[in-house]
Protein backbone atom coordinates (compact mmCIF):
# COMPACT_ATOMS: atom_id res chain seq x y z
CA MET A 1 -100.83 146.20 14.94
CA LYS A 2 -98.82 143.32 16.37
CA HIS A 3 -102.00 141.76 17.79
CA CYS A 4 -103.67 141.90 14.36
CA LEU A 5 -100.60 140.34 12.77
CA LEU A 6 -100.54 137.52 15.32
CA ARG A 7 -104.22 136.83 14.59
CA ALA A 8 -103.55 136.82 10.84
CA ILE A 9 -100.68 134.37 11.36
CA GLU A 10 -102.86 131.98 13.34
CA ASP A 11 -105.68 132.23 10.80
CA LYS A 12 -103.32 131.60 7.88
CA ARG A 13 -101.65 128.70 9.70
CA GLN A 14 -105.02 127.08 10.34
CA GLU A 15 -106.12 127.61 6.74
CA MET A 16 -102.87 126.11 5.44
CA MET A 17 -103.08 123.09 7.75
CA GLU A 18 -106.69 122.33 6.82
CA HIS A 19 -105.95 122.70 3.11
CA GLY A 20 -102.80 120.58 3.39
CA LEU A 21 -104.65 117.78 5.15
CA LYS A 22 -107.37 117.78 2.50
CA TYR A 23 -105.30 118.28 -0.66
CA GLY A 24 -101.75 117.36 0.34
CA LEU A 25 -98.66 119.34 1.20
CA SER A 26 -97.44 119.61 -2.39
CA ASP A 27 -100.72 121.04 -3.70
CA ASP A 28 -100.18 124.42 -5.39
CA ASN A 29 -102.64 126.19 -3.10
CA THR A 30 -101.09 124.65 0.02
CA VAL A 31 -97.69 125.90 -1.11
CA ARG A 32 -99.17 129.36 -1.82
CA LEU A 33 -100.71 129.47 1.65
CA SER A 34 -97.37 128.44 3.14
CA GLN A 35 -95.63 131.26 1.31
CA GLU A 36 -98.24 133.74 2.55
CA LEU A 37 -97.69 132.47 6.09
CA ASP A 38 -93.93 132.92 5.63
CA GLN A 39 -94.48 136.53 4.61
CA LEU A 40 -96.58 137.18 7.71
CA LEU A 41 -93.96 135.54 9.92
CA ASN A 42 -91.23 137.66 8.32
CA LYS A 43 -93.25 140.80 9.06
CA LEU A 44 -93.56 139.73 12.69
CA ASP A 45 -89.83 139.04 12.86
CA ASN A 46 -89.08 142.53 11.48
CA ILE A 47 -91.38 144.12 14.08
CA ASN A 48 -89.72 142.15 16.87
CA LYS A 49 -86.25 143.25 15.71
CA ALA A 50 -87.23 146.92 15.62
């Protein structure tokens, strides 16, 4: 599971970076992608603390 989560984090990070470069960091979709990345990172943090 952790491996899948790490992959999802990298994919989301790449998606967010590409979108941010194209549309700007304050674009609504860039912010949404950032929030989704934060959720994934929080899940990873919870797994690492367990």
